[in-house]
């Protein structure tokens, strides 16, 4: 909660109205210490920074965000030799639609219980009309890749199917989304929005843990899980991954 409070204060000082949010696949105490790294497991990290150089809506700080986050994660115990960086800086592979998805697949590939995974995205986030009826507000949240004008944006359904659904129990995945609409982009069942009022409730003991996400669609999870299980029975892990993506209509 202290980190979320600090983030909210910094945003307010800079004149931004965004509210820091935390979401999770499990219930978490807001006052408990949190680590990115559990001893003994392998590590993988994916960093994506997009300044949209030369495009309308060009940003300035996303490359620096990645560099700073990479330093931080390395200090937490992540192996620098097992990291992937996507940036539109002329030195790294471009964060195009296909490269971002390939990076996510690389991140989760071969993950085993006890492993530590980390993903950081700094760039534009968006929203667009829901295309399969699984969002109560009628909108999908999106990541905006470098070539979004040609290849399109990456919907939250796709991110869930590629990043979250394939992971076995016991893998620790931490994702930092520095973009608009980022709080709900992973479509996870627990959440906490750090407004001034909710923060006070945590400090006063009125709220102790993440709250259930009332908009979470359990039907989507069941659909993905069933498709992946049936495909695994037929053709193994590769077929299961493909089925999970097909279940999301992609």
C-alpha atoms as a PDB file:
ATOM      1  CA  UNK A   1       0.000   0.000   0.000  1.00  0.00           C
ATOM      2  CA  UNK A   2       2.935   2.337   0.631  1.00  0.00           C
ATOM      3  CA  UNK A   3       4.095   1.968  -2.975  1.00  0.00           C
ATOM      4  CA  UNK A   4       0.612   2.672  -4.314  1.00  0.00           C
ATOM      5  CA  UNK A   5       0.333   5.716  -2.042  1.00  0.00           C
ATOM      6  CA  UNK A   6       3.679   7.022  -3.333  1.00  0.00           C
ATOM      7  CA  UNK A   7       2.570   6.500  -6.937  1.00  0.00           C
ATOM      8  CA  UNK A   8      -0.698   8.321  -6.315  1.00  0.00           C
ATOM      9  CA  UNK A   9       1.173  11.239  -4.748  1.00  0.00           C
ATOM     10  CA  UNK A  10       3.627  11.519  -7.637  1.00  0.00           C
ATOM     11  CA  UNK A  11       0.833  11.430 -10.209  1.00  0.00           C
ATOM     12  CA  UNK A  12      -1.075  14.148  -8.346  1.00  0.00           C
ATOM     13  CA  UNK A  13       2.021  16.347  -8.120  1.00  0.00           C
ATOM     14  CA  UNK A  14       2.481  16.115 -11.871  1.00  0.00           C
ATOM     15  CA  UNK A  15      -1.157  16.974 -12.531  1.00  0.00           C
ATOM     16  CA  UNK A  16      -2.270  13.516 -13.653  1.00  0.00           C
ATOM     17  CA  UNK A  17      -5.632  12.058 -12.669  1.00  0.00           C
ATOM     18  CA  UNK A  18      -4.813   8.367 -13.160  1.00  0.00           C
ATOM     19  CA  UNK A  19      -5.353   6.084 -10.162  1.00  0.00           C
ATOM     20  CA  UNK A  20      -2.722   3.394  -9.408  1.00  0.00           C
ATOM     21  CA  UNK A  21      -4.272  -0.060  -9.450  1.00  0.00           C
ATOM     22  CA  UNK A  22      -3.185  -3.527  -8.411  1.00  0.00           C
ATOM     23  CA  UNK A  23      -4.731  -6.691  -9.802  1.00  0.00           C
ATOM     24  CA  UNK A  24      -3.994 -10.333  -9.067  1.00  0.00           C
ATOM     25  CA  UNK A  25      -5.052 -13.888  -9.811  1.00  0.00           C
ATOM     26  CA  UNK A  26      -5.278 -14.521  -6.055  1.00  0.00           C
ATOM     27  CA  UNK A  27      -6.287 -12.671  -2.925  1.00  0.00           C
ATOM     28  CA  UNK A  28      -3.375 -10.674  -1.467  1.00  0.00           C
ATOM     29  CA  UNK A  29      -2.957  -8.749   1.775  1.00  0.00           C
ATOM     30  CA  UNK A  30      -2.274  -5.099   0.968  1.00  0.00           C
ATOM     31  CA  UNK A  31      -0.033  -4.583   3.981  1.00  0.00           C
ATOM     32  CA  UNK A  32       2.194  -7.628   3.434  1.00  0.00           C
ATOM     33  CA  UNK A  33       5.712  -7.395   1.975  1.00  0.00           C
ATOM     34  CA  UNK A  34       5.931  -8.328  -1.681  1.00  0.00           C
ATOM     35  CA  UNK A  35       8.884  -9.813  -3.545  1.00  0.00           C
ATOM     36  CA  UNK A  36       9.446 -10.231  -7.276  1.00  0.00           C
ATOM     37  CA  UNK A  37      11.802 -13.138  -6.753  1.00  0.00           C
ATOM     38  CA  UNK A  38      11.481 -16.418  -4.870  1.00  0.00           C
ATOM     39  CA  UNK A  39      14.743 -18.225  -4.148  1.00  0.00           C
ATOM     40  CA  UNK A  40      15.430 -21.346  -6.149  1.00  0.00           C
ATOM     41  CA  UNK A  41      13.399 -20.740  -9.276  1.00  0.00           C
ATOM     42  CA  UNK A  42      14.517 -19.715 -12.742  1.00  0.00           C
ATOM     43  CA  UNK A  43      13.968 -16.143 -13.906  1.00  0.00           C
ATOM     44  CA  UNK A  44      12.804 -14.527 -17.136  1.00  0.00           C
ATOM     45  CA  UNK A  45      11.987 -10.889 -17.832  1.00  0.00           C
ATOM     46  CA  UNK A  46      10.427  -9.056 -20.769  1.00  0.00           C
ATOM     47  CA  UNK A  47      10.684  -5.268 -21.127  1.00  0.00           C
ATOM     48  CA  UNK A  48       8.691  -3.289 -23.697  1.00  0.00           C
ATOM     49  CA  UNK A  49       9.203   0.442 -24.181  1.00  0.00           C
ATOM     50  CA  UNK A  50       7.542   2.346 -27.030  1.00  0.00           C
ATOM     51  CA  UNK A  51       8.096   6.047 -27.710  1.00  0.00           C
ATOM     52  CA  UNK A  52       6.338   5.873 -31.117  1.00  0.00           C
ATOM     53  CA  UNK A  53       9.215   7.847 -32.631  1.00  0.00           C
ATOM     54  CA  UNK A  54       8.019  10.021 -35.513  1.00  0.00           C
ATOM     55  CA  UNK A  55       4.350   9.148 -35.011  1.00  0.00           C
ATOM     56  CA  UNK A  56       1.441  11.183 -33.742  1.00  0.00           C
ATOM     57  CA  UNK A  57       1.264  10.785 -29.977  1.00  0.00           C
ATOM     58  CA  UNK A  58       5.041  10.365 -29.653  1.00  0.00           C
ATOM     59  CA  UNK A  59       6.205   9.762 -26.082  1.00  0.00           C
ATOM     60  CA  UNK A  60       9.546  10.581 -24.502  1.00  0.00           C
ATOM     61  CA  UNK A  61      10.191   8.577 -21.359  1.00  0.00           C
ATOM     62  CA  UNK A  62       9.338   4.999 -22.202  1.00  0.00           C
ATOM     63  CA  UNK A  63      12.864   3.929 -23.147  1.00  0.00           C
ATOM     64  CA  UNK A  64      14.226   5.362 -19.915  1.00  0.00           C
ATOM     65  CA  UNK A  65      11.467   3.564 -17.995  1.00  0.00           C
ATOM     66  CA  UNK A  66      12.661   0.274 -19.429  1.00  0.00           C
ATOM     67  CA  UNK A  67      16.314   0.942 -18.637  1.00  0.00           C
ATOM     68  CA  UNK A  68      15.503   1.871 -15.037  1.00  0.00           C
ATOM     69  CA  UNK A  69      13.163  -1.065 -14.548  1.00  0.00           C
ATOM     70  CA  UNK A  70      15.755  -3.456 -15.946  1.00  0.00           C
ATOM     71  CA  UNK A  71      18.302  -2.231 -13.392  1.00  0.00           C
ATOM     72  CA  UNK A  72      15.778  -2.620 -10.584  1.00  0.00           C
ATOM     73  CA  UNK A  73      14.708  -6.127 -11.582  1.00  0.00           C
ATOM     74  CA  UNK A  74      18.325  -7.256 -11.919  1.00  0.00           C
ATOM     75  CA  UNK A  75      18.977  -6.086  -8.357  1.00  0.00           C
ATOM     76  CA  UNK A  76      16.035  -8.215  -7.205  1.00  0.00           C
ATOM     77  CA  UNK A  77      17.800 -11.376  -8.379  1.00  0.00           C
ATOM     78  CA  UNK A  78      16.772 -11.753 -12.019  1.00  0.00           C
ATOM     79  CA  UNK A  79      19.374 -13.111 -14.437  1.00  0.00           C
ATOM     80  CA  UNK A  80      20.355 -10.392 -16.910  1.00  0.00           C
ATOM     81  CA  UNK A  81      21.210 -13.090 -19.449  1.00  0.00           C
ATOM     82  CA  UNK A  82      17.604 -14.241 -19.499  1.00  0.00           C
ATOM     83  CA  UNK A  83      15.931 -10.961 -20.416  1.00  0.00           C
ATOM     84  CA  UNK A  84      14.348  -9.641 -23.617  1.00  0.00           C
ATOM     85  CA  UNK A  85      14.052  -5.940 -24.469  1.00  0.00           C
ATOM     86  CA  UNK A  86      11.783  -4.523 -27.182  1.00  0.00           C
ATOM     87  CA  UNK A  87      12.206  -0.802 -27.903  1.00  0.00           C
ATOM     88  CA  UNK A  88      11.898   1.500 -30.912  1.00  0.00           C
ATOM     89  CA  UNK A  89      15.366   2.950 -30.354  1.00  0.00           C
ATOM     90  CA  UNK A  90      17.225   1.479 -33.327  1.00  0.00           C
ATOM     91  CA  UNK A  91      19.283  -0.809 -31.071  1.00  0.00           C
ATOM     92  CA  UNK A  92      16.738  -3.388 -29.986  1.00  0.00           C
ATOM     93  CA  UNK A  93      14.105  -5.385 -31.794  1.00  0.00           C
ATOM     94  CA  UNK A  94      11.093  -3.186 -32.555  1.00  0.00           C
ATOM     95  CA  UNK A  95       8.015  -3.627 -30.319  1.00  0.00           C
ATOM     96  CA  UNK A  96       5.680  -4.424 -33.198  1.00  0.00           C
ATOM     97  CA  UNK A  97       2.421  -6.311 -32.768  1.00  0.00           C
ATOM     98  CA  UNK A  98       3.988  -9.644 -33.728  1.00  0.00           C
ATOM     99  CA  UNK A  99       7.205  -9.066 -31.767  1.00  0.00           C
ATOM    100  CA  UNK A 100       5.303  -8.182 -28.593  1.00  0.00           C
ATOM    101  CA  UNK A 101       3.260 -11.387 -28.817  1.00  0.00           C
ATOM    102  CA  UNK A 102       6.381 -13.412 -29.618  1.00  0.00           C
ATOM    103  CA  UNK A 103       8.036 -11.840 -26.570  1.00  0.00           C
ATOM    104  CA  UNK A 104       5.129 -12.846 -24.337  1.00  0.00           C
ATOM    105  CA  UNK A 105       5.267 -16.393 -25.707  1.00  0.00           C
ATOM    106  CA  UNK A 106       9.009 -16.493 -25.024  1.00  0.00           C
ATOM    107  CA  UNK A 107       8.392 -15.309 -21.466  1.00  0.00           C
ATOM    108  CA  UNK A 108       5.918 -18.049 -20.529  1.00  0.00           C
ATOM    109  CA  UNK A 109       7.439 -20.853 -22.605  1.00  0.00           C
ATOM    110  CA  UNK A 110       8.682 -23.697 -20.412  1.00  0.00           C
ATOM    111  CA  UNK A 111       7.634 -22.045 -17.140  1.00  0.00           C
ATOM    112  CA  UNK A 112       7.638 -24.421 -14.164  1.00  0.00           C
ATOM    113  CA  UNK A 113       6.371 -24.130 -10.578  1.00  0.00           C
ATOM    114  CA  UNK A 114       8.799 -21.999  -8.581  1.00  0.00           C
ATOM    115  CA  UNK A 115       9.902 -19.882 -11.575  1.00  0.00           C
ATOM    116  CA  UNK A 116       9.886 -16.086 -11.446  1.00  0.00           C
ATOM    117  CA  UNK A 117       8.630 -14.126 -14.455  1.00  0.00           C
ATOM    118  CA  UNK A 118       8.477 -10.362 -14.923  1.00  0.00           C
ATOM    119  CA  UNK A 119       7.001  -8.183 -17.647  1.00  0.00           C
ATOM    120  CA  UNK A 120       7.140  -4.394 -17.934  1.00  0.00           C
ATOM    121  CA  UNK A 121       5.274  -2.358 -20.546  1.00  0.00           C
ATOM    122  CA  UNK A 122       5.675   1.394 -20.994  1.00  0.00           C
ATOM    123  CA  UNK A 123       3.725   2.931 -23.847  1.00  0.00           C
ATOM    124  CA  UNK A 124       0.217   3.861 -24.887  1.00  0.00           C
ATOM    125  CA  UNK A 125      -2.789   1.922 -23.628  1.00  0.00           C
ATOM    126  CA  UNK A 126      -6.218   2.133 -25.167  1.00  0.00           C
ATOM    127  CA  UNK A 127      -9.745   0.795 -25.201  1.00  0.00           C
ATOM    128  CA  UNK A 128     -11.998  -0.337 -28.018  1.00  0.00           C
ATOM    129  CA  UNK A 129     -15.460  -1.903 -28.314  1.00  0.00           C
ATOM    130  CA  UNK A 130     -15.615  -5.453 -26.974  1.00  0.00           C
ATOM    131  CA  UNK A 131     -15.814  -7.913 -29.857  1.00  0.00           C
ATOM    132  CA  UNK A 132     -17.016 -11.070 -28.090  1.00  0.00           C
ATOM    133  CA  UNK A 133     -19.411  -9.974 -25.335  1.00  0.00           C
ATOM    134  CA  UNK A 134     -17.192 -10.782 -22.322  1.00  0.00           C
ATOM    135  CA  UNK A 135     -16.817  -7.227 -20.957  1.00  0.00           C
ATOM    136  CA  UNK A 136     -19.546  -5.777 -18.739  1.00  0.00           C
ATOM    137  CA  UNK A 137     -18.607  -2.230 -19.720  1.00  0.00           C
ATOM    138  CA  UNK A 138     -18.602  -3.180 -23.410  1.00  0.00           C
ATOM    139  CA  UNK A 139     -14.948  -2.223 -23.873  1.00  0.00           C
ATOM    140  CA  UNK A 140     -11.715  -4.185 -24.279  1.00  0.00           C
ATOM    141  CA  UNK A 141      -8.530  -2.650 -22.863  1.00  0.00           C
ATOM    142  CA  UNK A 142      -5.522  -2.734 -25.173  1.00  0.00           C
ATOM    143  CA  UNK A 143      -1.782  -2.437 -25.545  1.00  0.00           C
ATOM    144  CA  UNK A 144      -0.756  -0.222 -28.461  1.00  0.00           C
ATOM    145  CA  UNK A 145       2.200  -1.721 -30.369  1.00  0.00           C
ATOM    146  CA  UNK A 146       4.529   0.327 -32.548  1.00  0.00           C
ATOM    147  CA  UNK A 147       2.744  -0.685 -35.769  1.00  0.00           C
ATOM    148  CA  UNK A 148      -0.794  -0.424 -34.399  1.00  0.00           C
ATOM    149  CA  UNK A 149      -1.975   1.587 -37.407  1.00  0.00           C
ATOM    150  CA  UNK A 150      -1.215  -1.374 -39.677  1.00  0.00           C
ATOM    151  CA  UNK A 151      -1.437  -4.414 -37.384  1.00  0.00           C
ATOM    152  CA  UNK A 152      -3.984  -3.203 -34.831  1.00  0.00           C
ATOM    153  CA  UNK A 153      -3.948  -3.048 -31.063  1.00  0.00           C
ATOM    154  CA  UNK A 154      -3.546  -6.041 -28.725  1.00  0.00           C
ATOM    155  CA  UNK A 155      -6.748  -6.731 -26.795  1.00  0.00           C
ATOM    156  CA  UNK A 156      -6.882  -7.774 -23.140  1.00  0.00           C
ATOM    157  CA  UNK A 157      -8.425 -11.114 -24.163  1.00  0.00           C
ATOM    158  CA  UNK A 158      -5.356 -11.889 -26.238  1.00  0.00           C
ATOM    159  CA  UNK A 159      -3.008 -10.832 -23.435  1.00  0.00           C
ATOM    160  CA  UNK A 160      -4.852 -13.071 -20.956  1.00  0.00           C
ATOM    161  CA  UNK A 161      -4.780 -16.049 -23.311  1.00  0.00           C
ATOM    162  CA  UNK A 162      -1.071 -15.673 -24.144  1.00  0.00           C
ATOM    163  CA  UNK A 163       0.356 -14.449 -20.833  1.00  0.00           C
ATOM    164  CA  UNK A 164      -1.810 -15.720 -17.971  1.00  0.00           C
ATOM    165  CA  UNK A 165      -3.722 -18.798 -19.102  1.00  0.00           C
ATOM    166  CA  UNK A 166      -0.706 -20.981 -20.056  1.00  0.00           C
ATOM    167  CA  UNK A 167       1.060 -20.658 -16.679  1.00  0.00           C
ATOM    168  CA  UNK A 168       1.058 -23.643 -14.306  1.00  0.00           C
ATOM    169  CA  UNK A 169       0.250 -23.152 -10.639  1.00  0.00           C
ATOM    170  CA  UNK A 170       3.287 -22.081  -8.612  1.00  0.00           C
ATOM    171  CA  UNK A 171       4.779 -19.678 -11.178  1.00  0.00           C
ATOM    172  CA  UNK A 172       5.220 -16.135  -9.880  1.00  0.00           C
ATOM    173  CA  UNK A 173       4.428 -13.629 -12.638  1.00  0.00           C
ATOM    174  CA  UNK A 174       4.691  -9.901 -11.918  1.00  0.00           C
ATOM    175  CA  UNK A 175       3.520  -7.429 -14.565  1.00  0.00           C
ATOM    176  CA  UNK A 176       3.960  -3.646 -14.457  1.00  0.00           C
ATOM    177  CA  UNK A 177       1.790  -1.832 -17.009  1.00  0.00           C
ATOM    178  CA  UNK A 178       2.707   1.849 -17.314  1.00  0.00           C
ATOM    179  CA  UNK A 179      -0.069   2.991 -19.636  1.00  0.00           C
ATOM    180  CA  UNK A 180      -3.655   4.209 -19.710  1.00  0.00           C
ATOM    181  CA  UNK A 181      -6.367   1.631 -18.927  1.00  0.00           C
ATOM    182  CA  UNK A 182      -3.691  -0.583 -17.362  1.00  0.00           C
ATOM    183  CA  UNK A 183      -5.525  -1.539 -14.171  1.00  0.00           C
ATOM    184  CA  UNK A 184      -7.855  -4.027 -15.834  1.00  0.00           C
ATOM    185  CA  UNK A 185      -5.812  -4.972 -18.880  1.00  0.00           C
ATOM    186  CA  UNK A 186      -4.897  -8.441 -17.561  1.00  0.00           C
ATOM    187  CA  UNK A 187      -8.535  -9.306 -16.697  1.00  0.00           C
ATOM    188  CA  UNK A 188      -7.712 -10.802 -13.269  1.00  0.00           C
ATOM    189  CA  UNK A 189     -10.229 -11.746 -10.532  1.00  0.00           C
ATOM    190  CA  UNK A 190      -8.888  -9.562  -7.686  1.00  0.00           C
ATOM    191  CA  UNK A 191      -8.156  -5.846  -7.738  1.00  0.00           C
ATOM    192  CA  UNK A 192      -7.573  -2.702  -5.700  1.00  0.00           C
ATOM    193  CA  UNK A 193      -7.797   0.894  -6.925  1.00  0.00           C
ATOM    194  CA  UNK A 194      -5.755   3.199  -4.701  1.00  0.00           C
ATOM    195  CA  UNK A 195      -7.972   6.244  -4.339  1.00  0.00           C
ATOM    196  CA  UNK A 196      -7.536   8.544  -1.355  1.00  0.00           C
ATOM    197  CA  UNK A 197     -10.586   7.006   0.280  1.00  0.00           C
ATOM    198  CA  UNK A 198      -9.636   3.361  -0.292  1.00  0.00           C
ATOM    199  CA  UNK A 199      -6.082   4.026   0.895  1.00  0.00           C
ATOM    200  CA  UNK A 200      -7.398   5.472   4.153  1.00  0.00           C
ATOM    201  CA  UNK A 201      -9.553   2.388   4.626  1.00  0.00           C
ATOM    202  CA  UNK A 202      -6.487   0.162   4.281  1.00  0.00           C
ATOM    203  CA  UNK A 203      -4.536   2.194   6.827  1.00  0.00           C
ATOM    204  CA  UNK A 204      -7.533   2.191   9.180  1.00  0.00           C
ATOM    205  CA  UNK A 205      -8.001  -1.565   8.854  1.00  0.00           C
ATOM    206  CA  UNK A 206     -11.272  -1.350   6.950  1.00  0.00           C
ATOM    207  CA  UNK A 207      -9.754  -3.005   3.865  1.00  0.00           C
ATOM    208  CA  UNK A 208      -7.076  -5.643   4.320  1.00  0.00           C
ATOM    209  CA  UNK A 209      -6.767  -7.374   0.968  1.00  0.00           C
ATOM    210  CA  UNK A 210      -7.538  -7.084  -2.712  1.00  0.00           C
ATOM    211  CA  UNK A 211     -11.233  -7.079  -3.496  1.00  0.00           C
ATOM    212  CA  UNK A 212     -13.049  -9.341  -5.916  1.00  0.00           C
ATOM    213  CA  UNK A 213     -13.257  -7.835  -9.386  1.00  0.00           C
ATOM    214  CA  UNK A 214     -17.004  -7.624  -9.974  1.00  0.00           C
ATOM    215  CA  UNK A 215     -16.450  -7.391 -13.720  1.00  0.00           C
ATOM    216  CA  UNK A 216     -14.303 -10.519 -13.908  1.00  0.00           C
ATOM    217  CA  UNK A 217     -15.663 -13.049 -16.369  1.00  0.00           C
ATOM    218  CA  UNK A 218     -15.231 -16.552 -14.970  1.00  0.00           C
ATOM    219  CA  UNK A 219     -16.886 -17.945 -18.070  1.00  0.00           C
ATOM    220  CA  UNK A 220     -13.930 -16.758 -20.114  1.00  0.00           C
ATOM    221  CA  UNK A 221     -11.485 -18.597 -17.849  1.00  0.00           C
ATOM    222  CA  UNK A 222     -13.554 -21.771 -17.986  1.00  0.00           C
ATOM    223  CA  UNK A 223     -13.734 -21.589 -21.773  1.00  0.00           C
ATOM    224  CA  UNK A 224      -9.969 -21.147 -22.118  1.00  0.00           C
ATOM    225  CA  UNK A 225      -9.229 -23.905 -19.591  1.00  0.00           C
ATOM    226  CA  UNK A 226     -11.554 -26.419 -21.234  1.00  0.00           C
ATOM    227  CA  UNK A 227     -10.204 -25.734 -24.712  1.00  0.00           C
ATOM    228  CA  UNK A 228      -6.617 -26.077 -23.518  1.00  0.00           C
ATOM    229  CA  UNK A 229      -7.326 -29.283 -21.577  1.00  0.00           C
ATOM    230  CA  UNK A 230      -9.106 -30.951 -24.478  1.00  0.00           C
ATOM    231  CA  UNK A 231      -6.372 -29.902 -26.898  1.00  0.00           C
ATOM    232  CA  UNK A 232      -3.668 -31.188 -24.526  1.00  0.00           C
ATOM    233  CA  UNK A 233      -5.382 -34.567 -24.429  1.00  0.00           C
ATOM    234  CA  UNK A 234      -5.317 -34.660 -28.212  1.00  0.00           C
ATOM    235  CA  UNK A 235      -1.992 -33.084 -29.133  1.00  0.00           C
ATOM    236  CA  UNK A 236       0.125 -32.042 -26.175  1.00  0.00           C
ATOM    237  CA  UNK A 237       1.290 -28.676 -24.896  1.00  0.00           C
ATOM    238  CA  UNK A 238       1.643 -26.917 -28.264  1.00  0.00           C
ATOM    239  CA  UNK A 239      -1.902 -27.801 -29.243  1.00  0.00           C
ATOM    240  CA  UNK A 240      -3.167 -26.656 -25.839  1.00  0.00           C
ATOM    241  CA  UNK A 241      -1.563 -23.239 -26.259  1.00  0.00           C
ATOM    242  CA  UNK A 242      -3.127 -22.829 -29.699  1.00  0.00           C
ATOM    243  CA  UNK A 243      -6.524 -23.850 -28.357  1.00  0.00           C
ATOM    244  CA  UNK A 244      -6.332 -21.325 -25.534  1.00  0.00           C
ATOM    245  CA  UNK A 245      -5.801 -18.543 -28.050  1.00  0.00           C
ATOM    246  CA  UNK A 246      -8.629 -19.820 -30.268  1.00  0.00           C
ATOM    247  CA  UNK A 247     -10.968 -19.806 -27.267  1.00  0.00           C
ATOM    248  CA  UNK A 248     -10.506 -16.058 -27.047  1.00  0.00           C
ATOM    249  CA  UNK A 249     -11.608 -15.675 -30.637  1.00  0.00           C
ATOM    250  CA  UNK A 250      -8.100 -14.851 -31.962  1.00  0.00           C
END
